[in-house]
C-alpha cells in the first residue's frame, strides 16, 4: 500500500484519555505514527506526530475523522503533507540535559538558544514552563542537547555565563552512554 508523510498537530483542552483517543483513531484509519510528542501547553494539550498515511486517505478526511472523536470537536487540528529531501542533519543523540530557571523576561529563550549555535550544538528537545509564584513568574527551560565532546566544557561555561547574566540558575548533567 502506498503512503505519504504528513505532520499532525492536535491542540485541544487537555483531558484524561486524549492521547489514547487520538492514537486509537489513527490506528483504526491505518495510519502509522513516527516521531511523536505530547505536552501540556497552557490549559491545553498538544499532540504532534509524523504520520505515514495511506494514499487513499486525504488530509481532510483524516482531519474530519479526528474532529468526530469525543472531546476533539473543538480541537485545532492541522495536517500538512511533506517531503524532506535526504540531506545531512545535525546529530540527535542527547549528550546533555540542561535546566535553566529564573525570572521570566522577553528574549530569554532566544538568548539561551543562541549559545548552542556558537558551539555546533544541536537542541534535540526543548520544554519551557512558565510558573506563577508569589514573587512573580518563573520560567523553567529544559534542554536536551547534543554537544560535541570536545566543545562541551566551553559550551556549558558560555551557557552558564549567559544564564547568569539573565538572572537564571543553570544546572546540567551529561548523559551516560
N, C-alpha and C. Protein backbone atom coordinates (compact mmCIF):
# COMPACT_ATOMS: atom_id res chain seq x y z
N UNK A 1 0.84 -1.17 0.00
CA UNK A 1 0.00 0.00 0.00
C UNK A 1 0.89 1.24 0.00
N UNK A 2 0.57 2.16 -0.87
CA UNK A 2 1.32 3.41 -0.97
C UNK A 2 0.91 4.37 0.14
N UNK A 3 1.90 5.13 0.62
CA UNK A 3 1.66 6.04 1.73
C UNK A 3 2.33 7.38 1.46
N UNK A 4 1.86 8.40 2.15
CA UNK A 4 2.53 9.69 2.14
C UNK A 4 2.79 10.11 3.57
N UNK A 5 3.73 11.04 3.75
CA UNK A 5 4.06 11.52 5.08
C UNK A 5 3.40 12.86 5.32
N UNK A 6 3.03 13.08 6.59
CA UNK A 6 2.40 14.34 6.98
C UNK A 6 2.74 14.62 8.43
N UNK A 7 2.67 15.90 8.77
CA UNK A 7 2.85 16.34 10.14
C UNK A 7 1.47 16.63 10.73
N UNK A 8 1.16 15.99 11.83
CA UNK A 8 -0.12 16.19 12.52
C UNK A 8 0.11 17.01 13.78
N UNK A 9 -0.73 18.02 13.97
CA UNK A 9 -0.73 18.78 15.21
C UNK A 9 -2.17 18.87 15.70
N UNK A 10 -2.39 18.41 16.94
CA UNK A 10 -3.72 18.48 17.56
C UNK A 10 -3.56 19.28 18.84
N UNK A 11 -4.28 20.38 18.96
CA UNK A 11 -4.27 21.18 20.19
C UNK A 11 -5.70 21.26 20.68
N UNK A 12 -5.91 20.80 21.92
CA UNK A 12 -7.27 20.81 22.47
C UNK A 12 -7.21 20.96 23.98
N UNK A 13 -8.39 21.11 24.57
CA UNK A 13 -8.48 21.11 26.03
C UNK A 13 -7.89 19.79 26.50
N UNK A 14 -6.99 19.85 27.49
CA UNK A 14 -6.39 18.62 27.99
C UNK A 14 -7.43 17.84 28.81
N UNK A 15 -7.34 16.52 28.69
CA UNK A 15 -8.22 15.66 29.47
C UNK A 15 -7.62 14.27 29.52
N UNK A 16 -8.05 13.49 30.48
CA UNK A 16 -7.60 12.11 30.59
C UNK A 16 -8.06 11.35 29.34
N UNK A 17 -7.16 10.60 28.73
CA UNK A 17 -7.50 9.79 27.57
C UNK A 17 -7.25 10.45 26.23
N UNK A 18 -6.80 11.69 26.24
CA UNK A 18 -6.60 12.42 24.98
C UNK A 18 -5.68 11.66 24.03
N UNK A 19 -4.52 11.26 24.51
CA UNK A 19 -3.57 10.55 23.64
C UNK A 19 -4.16 9.24 23.15
N UNK A 20 -4.81 8.51 24.03
CA UNK A 20 -5.41 7.23 23.65
C UNK A 20 -6.46 7.39 22.55
N UNK A 21 -7.29 8.42 22.69
CA UNK A 21 -8.34 8.64 21.68
C UNK A 21 -7.75 9.02 20.32
N UNK A 22 -6.76 9.91 20.33
CA UNK A 22 -6.14 10.33 19.06
C UNK A 22 -5.44 9.14 18.40
N UNK A 23 -4.59 8.44 19.17
CA UNK A 23 -3.82 7.33 18.57
C UNK A 23 -4.72 6.17 18.18
N UNK A 24 -5.77 5.92 18.94
CA UNK A 24 -6.71 4.86 18.58
C UNK A 24 -7.40 5.15 17.26
N UNK A 25 -7.82 6.40 17.07
CA UNK A 25 -8.46 6.77 15.80
C UNK A 25 -7.48 6.63 14.63
N UNK A 26 -6.25 7.07 14.84
CA UNK A 26 -5.25 6.96 13.77
C UNK A 26 -5.00 5.50 13.42
N UNK A 27 -4.89 4.64 14.42
CA UNK A 27 -4.69 3.20 14.18
C UNK A 27 -5.86 2.64 13.38
N UNK A 28 -7.08 2.99 13.78
CA UNK A 28 -8.27 2.49 13.08
C UNK A 28 -8.31 2.91 11.62
N UNK A 29 -7.67 4.01 11.28
CA UNK A 29 -7.65 4.51 9.89
C UNK A 29 -6.44 4.00 9.12
N UNK A 30 -5.61 3.17 9.74
CA UNK A 30 -4.45 2.59 9.06
C UNK A 30 -3.25 3.52 9.01
N UNK A 31 -3.23 4.51 9.89
CA UNK A 31 -2.14 5.48 9.92
C UNK A 31 -1.04 4.97 10.85
N UNK A 32 0.20 5.08 10.40
CA UNK A 32 1.35 4.68 11.20
C UNK A 32 2.01 5.93 11.79
N UNK A 33 2.30 5.90 13.10
CA UNK A 33 2.94 7.03 13.76
C UNK A 33 4.44 6.88 13.73
N UNK A 34 5.13 8.00 13.51
CA UNK A 34 6.57 8.07 13.62
C UNK A 34 6.91 8.86 14.87
N UNK A 35 7.91 9.74 14.80
CA UNK A 35 8.28 10.57 15.95
C UNK A 35 7.05 11.31 16.45
N UNK A 36 6.82 11.24 17.77
CA UNK A 36 5.61 11.79 18.37
C UNK A 36 5.94 12.49 19.69
N UNK A 37 5.28 13.61 19.94
CA UNK A 37 5.43 14.29 21.22
C UNK A 37 4.05 14.69 21.74
N UNK A 38 3.98 14.88 23.05
CA UNK A 38 2.79 15.42 23.68
C UNK A 38 3.25 16.33 24.80
N UNK A 39 2.59 17.45 24.95
CA UNK A 39 2.93 18.38 26.03
C UNK A 39 1.70 19.16 26.45
N UNK A 40 1.63 19.45 27.73
CA UNK A 40 0.63 20.38 28.24
C UNK A 40 1.16 21.77 27.92
N UNK A 41 0.37 22.56 27.24
CA UNK A 41 0.74 23.93 26.90
C UNK A 41 -0.40 24.82 27.35
N UNK A 42 -0.15 25.60 28.39
CA UNK A 42 -1.22 26.42 28.94
C UNK A 42 -2.28 25.52 29.52
N UNK A 43 -3.53 25.70 29.11
CA UNK A 43 -4.63 24.87 29.61
C UNK A 43 -4.99 23.75 28.64
N UNK A 44 -4.20 23.64 27.58
CA UNK A 44 -4.48 22.62 26.59
C UNK A 44 -3.37 21.61 26.49
N UNK A 45 -3.58 20.66 25.64
CA UNK A 45 -2.57 19.66 25.36
C UNK A 45 -2.29 19.65 23.87
N UNK A 46 -1.01 19.50 23.51
CA UNK A 46 -0.66 19.43 22.09
C UNK A 46 -0.02 18.09 21.80
N UNK A 47 -0.60 17.41 20.84
CA UNK A 47 -0.12 16.13 20.34
C UNK A 47 0.44 16.40 18.95
N UNK A 48 1.68 16.03 18.72
CA UNK A 48 2.32 16.25 17.41
C UNK A 48 2.97 14.95 16.98
N UNK A 49 2.81 14.60 15.71
CA UNK A 49 3.39 13.35 15.23
C UNK A 49 3.67 13.42 13.73
N UNK A 50 4.72 12.72 13.33
CA UNK A 50 4.97 12.47 11.91
C UNK A 50 4.16 11.22 11.56
N UNK A 51 3.34 11.32 10.54
CA UNK A 51 2.45 10.21 10.17
C UNK A 51 2.81 9.64 8.81
N UNK A 52 2.56 8.35 8.65
CA UNK A 52 2.54 7.70 7.34
C UNK A 52 1.08 7.34 7.09
N UNK A 53 0.49 7.98 6.09
CA UNK A 53 -0.94 7.88 5.83
C UNK A 53 -1.18 7.14 4.52
N UNK A 54 -2.13 6.20 4.49
CA UNK A 54 -2.45 5.53 3.23
C UNK A 54 -2.87 6.57 2.17
N UNK A 55 -2.40 6.37 0.94
CA UNK A 55 -2.69 7.33 -0.13
C UNK A 55 -4.18 7.56 -0.35
N UNK A 56 -5.01 6.56 -0.04
CA UNK A 56 -6.45 6.72 -0.28
C UNK A 56 -7.17 7.48 0.84
N UNK A 57 -6.41 7.98 1.83
CA UNK A 57 -6.98 8.76 2.92
C UNK A 57 -6.45 10.19 2.82
N UNK A 58 -7.34 11.14 2.52
CA UNK A 58 -6.92 12.53 2.36
C UNK A 58 -6.71 13.19 3.72
N UNK A 59 -5.95 14.27 3.71
CA UNK A 59 -5.74 15.03 4.94
C UNK A 59 -7.08 15.53 5.48
N UNK A 60 -7.96 15.97 4.59
CA UNK A 60 -9.26 16.49 5.02
C UNK A 60 -10.10 15.40 5.67
N UNK A 61 -10.13 14.20 5.06
CA UNK A 61 -10.90 13.10 5.64
C UNK A 61 -10.35 12.70 7.01
N UNK A 62 -9.02 12.69 7.14
CA UNK A 62 -8.42 12.34 8.43
C UNK A 62 -8.74 13.41 9.47
N UNK A 63 -8.65 14.68 9.09
CA UNK A 63 -8.98 15.77 9.99
C UNK A 63 -10.44 15.71 10.43
N UNK A 64 -11.34 15.50 9.47
CA UNK A 64 -12.77 15.38 9.79
C UNK A 64 -13.01 14.22 10.76
N UNK A 65 -12.33 13.11 10.52
CA UNK A 65 -12.47 11.95 11.40
C UNK A 65 -12.00 12.25 12.81
N UNK A 66 -10.87 12.94 12.93
CA UNK A 66 -10.37 13.30 14.27
C UNK A 66 -11.33 14.25 14.97
N UNK A 67 -11.93 15.18 14.23
CA UNK A 67 -12.90 16.11 14.83
C UNK A 67 -14.15 15.37 15.34
N UNK A 68 -14.42 14.17 14.81
CA UNK A 68 -15.59 13.40 15.26
C UNK A 68 -15.32 12.63 16.55
N UNK A 69 -14.06 12.56 16.97
CA UNK A 69 -13.70 11.86 18.20
C UNK A 69 -14.20 12.67 19.39
N UNK A 70 -14.83 12.00 20.35
CA UNK A 70 -15.35 12.67 21.54
C UNK A 70 -14.27 13.51 22.22
N UNK A 71 -14.57 14.78 22.43
CA UNK A 71 -13.64 15.69 23.08
C UNK A 71 -12.76 16.46 22.11
N UNK A 72 -12.77 16.08 20.82
CA UNK A 72 -11.94 16.79 19.84
C UNK A 72 -12.77 17.65 18.89
N UNK A 73 -14.05 17.79 19.17
CA UNK A 73 -14.92 18.57 18.28
C UNK A 73 -14.40 19.99 18.07
N UNK A 74 -13.87 20.60 19.12
CA UNK A 74 -13.39 21.99 19.03
C UNK A 74 -11.87 22.08 18.97
N UNK A 75 -11.20 20.96 18.77
CA UNK A 75 -9.73 20.95 18.72
C UNK A 75 -9.23 21.66 17.47
N UNK A 76 -8.03 22.21 17.60
CA UNK A 76 -7.34 22.74 16.42
C UNK A 76 -6.51 21.61 15.86
N UNK A 77 -6.86 21.17 14.67
CA UNK A 77 -6.19 20.03 14.04
C UNK A 77 -5.60 20.49 12.72
N UNK A 78 -4.31 20.23 12.56
CA UNK A 78 -3.61 20.63 11.34
C UNK A 78 -2.83 19.42 10.82
N UNK A 79 -3.03 19.11 9.56
CA UNK A 79 -2.31 18.00 8.92
C UNK A 79 -1.67 18.56 7.66
N UNK A 80 -0.34 18.48 7.61
CA UNK A 80 0.39 19.02 6.47
C UNK A 80 1.23 17.93 5.84
N UNK A 81 0.97 17.68 4.57
CA UNK A 81 1.75 16.73 3.80
C UNK A 81 3.14 17.31 3.57
N UNK A 82 4.16 16.49 3.60
CA UNK A 82 5.52 17.00 3.38
C UNK A 82 6.42 15.92 2.80
N UNK A 83 7.51 16.40 2.27
CA UNK A 83 8.63 15.50 1.94
C UNK A 83 9.89 16.32 2.18
N UNK A 84 10.77 15.76 2.96
CA UNK A 84 12.03 16.42 3.26
C UNK A 84 13.12 15.69 2.49
N UNK A 85 13.89 16.48 1.76
CA UNK A 85 14.96 15.88 0.97
C UNK A 85 15.95 15.18 1.89
N UNK A 86 16.53 14.11 1.37
CA UNK A 86 17.60 13.45 2.11
C UNK A 86 18.79 14.38 2.14
N UNK A 87 19.19 14.75 3.33
CA UNK A 87 20.36 15.60 3.49
C UNK A 87 20.95 15.31 4.86
N UNK A 88 22.12 15.81 5.08
CA UNK A 88 22.76 15.61 6.37
C UNK A 88 22.03 16.44 7.42
N UNK A 89 21.79 15.83 8.56
CA UNK A 89 21.12 16.53 9.65
C UNK A 89 22.05 16.57 10.87
N UNK A 90 21.84 17.53 11.76
CA UNK A 90 22.68 17.59 12.96
C UNK A 90 22.48 16.34 13.81
N UNK A 91 23.47 16.00 14.63
CA UNK A 91 23.33 14.82 15.49
C UNK A 91 22.14 14.98 16.44
N UNK A 92 21.41 13.88 16.66
CA UNK A 92 20.26 13.94 17.55
C UNK A 92 20.42 13.07 18.80
N UNK A 93 21.58 12.47 18.99
CA UNK A 93 21.85 11.73 20.21
C UNK A 93 22.05 12.73 21.35
N UNK A 94 21.32 12.57 22.42
CA UNK A 94 21.38 13.52 23.53
C UNK A 94 22.64 13.24 24.37
N UNK A 95 23.47 14.30 24.53
CA UNK A 95 24.68 14.18 25.33
C UNK A 95 24.55 14.89 26.67
N UNK A 96 23.65 15.88 26.76
CA UNK A 96 23.49 16.66 27.99
C UNK A 96 22.02 17.04 28.19
N UNK A 97 21.62 17.07 29.46
CA UNK A 97 20.33 17.62 29.85
C UNK A 97 20.61 18.86 30.69
N UNK A 98 19.97 19.95 30.32
CA UNK A 98 20.26 21.25 30.92
C UNK A 98 18.96 21.87 31.42
N UNK A 99 19.02 22.50 32.59
CA UNK A 99 17.86 23.18 33.15
C UNK A 99 18.25 24.60 33.51
N UNK A 100 17.48 25.56 33.03
CA UNK A 100 17.65 26.97 33.38
C UNK A 100 16.37 27.40 34.08
N UNK A 101 16.53 28.16 35.16
CA UNK A 101 15.36 28.59 35.92
C UNK A 101 15.59 29.98 36.46
N UNK A 102 14.56 30.81 36.36
CA UNK A 102 14.66 32.15 36.90
C UNK A 102 13.46 32.99 36.51
N UNK A 103 13.58 34.29 36.76
CA UNK A 103 12.51 35.21 36.44
C UNK A 103 12.30 35.27 34.93
N UNK A 104 11.06 35.28 34.52
CA UNK A 104 10.73 35.36 33.09
C UNK A 104 11.06 36.76 32.58
N UNK A 105 11.50 36.83 31.33
CA UNK A 105 11.77 38.12 30.69
C UNK A 105 11.77 37.94 29.18
N UNK A 106 11.45 38.99 28.43
CA UNK A 106 11.44 38.90 26.97
C UNK A 106 12.83 38.54 26.44
N UNK A 107 12.87 37.66 25.44
CA UNK A 107 14.11 37.29 24.78
C UNK A 107 14.92 36.23 25.48
N UNK A 108 14.45 35.74 26.61
CA UNK A 108 15.20 34.77 27.40
C UNK A 108 15.55 33.52 26.60
N UNK A 109 14.57 32.91 25.99
CA UNK A 109 14.81 31.68 25.24
C UNK A 109 15.70 31.94 24.02
N UNK A 110 15.52 33.07 23.36
CA UNK A 110 16.36 33.41 22.21
C UNK A 110 17.83 33.52 22.62
N UNK A 111 18.09 34.21 23.70
CA UNK A 111 19.48 34.40 24.16
C UNK A 111 20.12 33.09 24.58
N UNK A 112 19.37 32.27 25.31
CA UNK A 112 19.93 30.98 25.74
C UNK A 112 20.20 30.06 24.55
N UNK A 113 19.27 29.98 23.62
CA UNK A 113 19.43 29.06 22.49
C UNK A 113 20.52 29.50 21.53
N UNK A 114 20.82 30.79 21.47
CA UNK A 114 21.89 31.29 20.59
C UNK A 114 23.25 30.70 20.98
N UNK A 115 23.45 30.45 22.25
CA UNK A 115 24.74 29.94 22.72
C UNK A 115 25.08 28.64 22.02
N UNK A 116 24.11 27.78 21.82
CA UNK A 116 24.37 26.47 21.23
C UNK A 116 24.92 26.57 19.80
N UNK A 117 24.47 27.57 19.07
CA UNK A 117 24.93 27.75 17.68
C UNK A 117 26.45 27.92 17.65
N UNK A 118 26.98 28.71 18.57
CA UNK A 118 28.41 29.00 18.57
C UNK A 118 29.29 27.79 18.86
N UNK A 119 28.68 26.72 19.34
CA UNK A 119 29.45 25.52 19.68
C UNK A 119 28.99 24.30 18.89
N UNK A 120 28.35 24.55 17.73
CA UNK A 120 27.88 23.47 16.84
C UNK A 120 27.05 22.44 17.59
N UNK A 121 26.25 22.92 18.53
CA UNK A 121 25.43 22.04 19.36
C UNK A 121 23.99 22.06 18.87
N UNK A 122 23.36 20.90 18.93
CA UNK A 122 22.01 20.76 18.42
C UNK A 122 21.01 20.56 19.57
N UNK A 123 19.99 21.39 19.61
CA UNK A 123 18.90 21.19 20.57
C UNK A 123 18.01 20.09 20.01
N UNK A 124 17.92 18.99 20.75
CA UNK A 124 17.12 17.85 20.32
C UNK A 124 15.70 17.97 20.86
N UNK A 125 15.58 18.38 22.11
CA UNK A 125 14.27 18.61 22.73
C UNK A 125 14.35 19.88 23.56
N UNK A 126 13.21 20.54 23.68
CA UNK A 126 13.12 21.76 24.47
C UNK A 126 11.75 21.79 25.12
N UNK A 127 11.72 22.11 26.41
CA UNK A 127 10.45 22.26 27.12
C UNK A 127 10.59 23.45 28.04
N UNK A 128 9.71 24.41 27.90
CA UNK A 128 9.70 25.58 28.77
C UNK A 128 8.36 25.68 29.47
N UNK A 129 8.40 26.03 30.74
CA UNK A 129 7.19 26.21 31.52
C UNK A 129 7.25 27.55 32.24
N UNK A 130 6.15 28.25 32.21
CA UNK A 130 6.04 29.49 32.97
C UNK A 130 5.18 29.17 34.18
N UNK A 131 5.72 29.47 35.37
CA UNK A 131 5.00 29.15 36.60
C UNK A 131 4.79 30.43 37.39
N UNK A 132 3.56 30.61 37.86
CA UNK A 132 3.26 31.77 38.70
C UNK A 132 3.63 31.43 40.14
N UNK A 133 4.38 32.32 40.77
CA UNK A 133 4.76 32.16 42.18
C UNK A 133 4.40 33.46 42.90
N UNK A 134 4.36 33.44 44.22
CA UNK A 134 4.04 34.67 44.97
C UNK A 134 5.00 35.82 44.64
N UNK A 135 6.24 35.49 44.25
CA UNK A 135 7.21 36.55 43.95
C UNK A 135 7.26 36.93 42.48
N UNK A 136 6.39 36.34 41.65
CA UNK A 136 6.36 36.67 40.22
C UNK A 136 6.44 35.42 39.37
N UNK A 137 6.49 35.61 38.07
CA UNK A 137 6.55 34.48 37.15
C UNK A 137 7.97 33.92 37.07
N UNK A 138 8.06 32.61 37.15
CA UNK A 138 9.33 31.89 36.98
C UNK A 138 9.26 31.17 35.65
N UNK A 139 10.39 31.11 34.99
CA UNK A 139 10.48 30.44 33.70
C UNK A 139 11.48 29.30 33.86
N UNK A 140 11.04 28.10 33.57
CA UNK A 140 11.90 26.92 33.67
C UNK A 140 12.03 26.33 32.27
N UNK A 141 13.26 26.22 31.80
CA UNK A 141 13.53 25.67 30.47
C UNK A 141 14.42 24.46 30.62
N UNK A 142 14.01 23.39 29.96
CA UNK A 142 14.80 22.16 29.95
C UNK A 142 15.22 21.88 28.51
N UNK A 143 16.52 21.77 28.32
CA UNK A 143 17.08 21.45 27.01
C UNK A 143 17.66 20.03 27.05
N UNK A 144 17.40 19.25 26.03
CA UNK A 144 18.13 18.01 25.79
C UNK A 144 18.92 18.28 24.52
N UNK A 145 20.25 18.24 24.62
CA UNK A 145 21.09 18.72 23.53
C UNK A 145 22.18 17.71 23.16
N UNK A 146 22.70 17.90 21.97
CA UNK A 146 23.89 17.19 21.53
C UNK A 146 24.99 18.23 21.41
N UNK A 147 25.99 18.09 22.28
CA UNK A 147 27.14 19.00 22.26
C UNK A 147 28.36 18.17 21.89
N UNK A 148 29.11 18.57 20.84
CA UNK A 148 30.33 17.81 20.51
C UNK A 148 31.23 17.71 21.75
N UNK A 149 31.74 16.51 21.98
CA UNK A 149 32.51 16.24 23.19
C UNK A 149 33.63 17.25 23.42
N UNK A 150 34.35 17.59 22.37
CA UNK A 150 35.50 18.49 22.50
C UNK A 150 35.09 19.94 22.77
N UNK A 151 33.79 20.25 22.63
CA UNK A 151 33.32 21.61 22.84
C UNK A 151 32.40 21.73 24.05
N UNK A 152 32.14 20.63 24.72
CA UNK A 152 31.14 20.61 25.80
C UNK A 152 31.49 21.55 26.94
N UNK A 153 32.71 21.50 27.46
CA UNK A 153 33.07 22.35 28.60
C UNK A 153 32.90 23.83 28.28
N UNK A 154 33.38 24.24 27.12
CA UNK A 154 33.28 25.65 26.73
C UNK A 154 31.82 26.06 26.49
N UNK A 155 31.06 25.18 25.88
CA UNK A 155 29.65 25.48 25.61
C UNK A 155 28.89 25.66 26.93
N UNK A 156 29.10 24.75 27.85
CA UNK A 156 28.39 24.83 29.13
C UNK A 156 28.83 26.04 29.94
N UNK A 157 30.10 26.41 29.86
CA UNK A 157 30.59 27.61 30.55
C UNK A 157 29.94 28.86 29.94
N UNK A 158 29.89 28.94 28.62
CA UNK A 158 29.27 30.09 27.95
C UNK A 158 27.78 30.16 28.27
N UNK A 159 27.13 29.01 28.28
CA UNK A 159 25.71 28.98 28.62
C UNK A 159 25.49 29.44 30.06
N UNK A 160 26.37 29.00 30.96
CA UNK A 160 26.28 29.42 32.36
C UNK A 160 26.44 30.92 32.50
N UNK A 161 27.39 31.50 31.77
CA UNK A 161 27.60 32.96 31.82
C UNK A 161 26.37 33.70 31.28
N UNK A 162 25.82 33.20 30.18
CA UNK A 162 24.64 33.83 29.60
C UNK A 162 23.46 33.73 30.56
N UNK A 163 23.26 32.55 31.13
CA UNK A 163 22.16 32.35 32.07
C UNK A 163 22.30 33.27 33.28
N UNK A 164 23.51 33.35 33.82
CA UNK A 164 23.74 34.21 34.98
C UNK A 164 23.43 35.68 34.64
N UNK A 165 23.85 36.11 33.46
CA UNK A 165 23.59 37.48 33.03
C UNK A 165 22.10 37.77 32.87
N UNK A 166 21.32 36.71 32.67
CA UNK A 166 19.87 36.85 32.52
C UNK A 166 19.13 36.57 33.83
N UNK A 167 19.89 36.39 34.91
CA UNK A 167 19.27 36.11 36.20
C UNK A 167 18.74 34.71 36.34
N UNK A 168 19.31 33.79 35.60
CA UNK A 168 18.87 32.40 35.61
C UNK A 168 19.87 31.53 36.37
N UNK A 169 19.38 30.49 37.01
CA UNK A 169 20.27 29.48 37.56
C UNK A 169 20.35 28.35 36.54
N UNK A 170 21.51 27.74 36.44
CA UNK A 170 21.75 26.71 35.43
C UNK A 170 22.23 25.44 36.12
N UNK A 171 21.68 24.32 35.70
CA UNK A 171 22.20 23.02 36.13
C UNK A 171 22.21 22.12 34.89
N UNK A 172 23.09 21.14 34.91
CA UNK A 172 23.19 20.23 33.77
C UNK A 172 23.75 18.90 34.21
N UNK A 173 23.53 17.91 33.37
CA UNK A 173 24.12 16.60 33.58
C UNK A 173 24.49 16.01 32.23
N UNK A 174 25.61 15.32 32.19
CA UNK A 174 25.99 14.59 30.99
C UNK A 174 25.17 13.29 30.97
N UNK A 175 24.78 12.89 29.79
CA UNK A 175 24.01 11.66 29.63
C UNK A 175 25.01 10.52 29.44
N UNK A 176 24.88 9.51 30.25
CA UNK A 176 25.76 8.34 30.16
C UNK A 176 25.37 7.53 28.94
N UNK A 177 26.36 7.09 28.23
CA UNK A 177 26.08 6.30 27.01
C UNK A 177 26.42 4.86 27.23
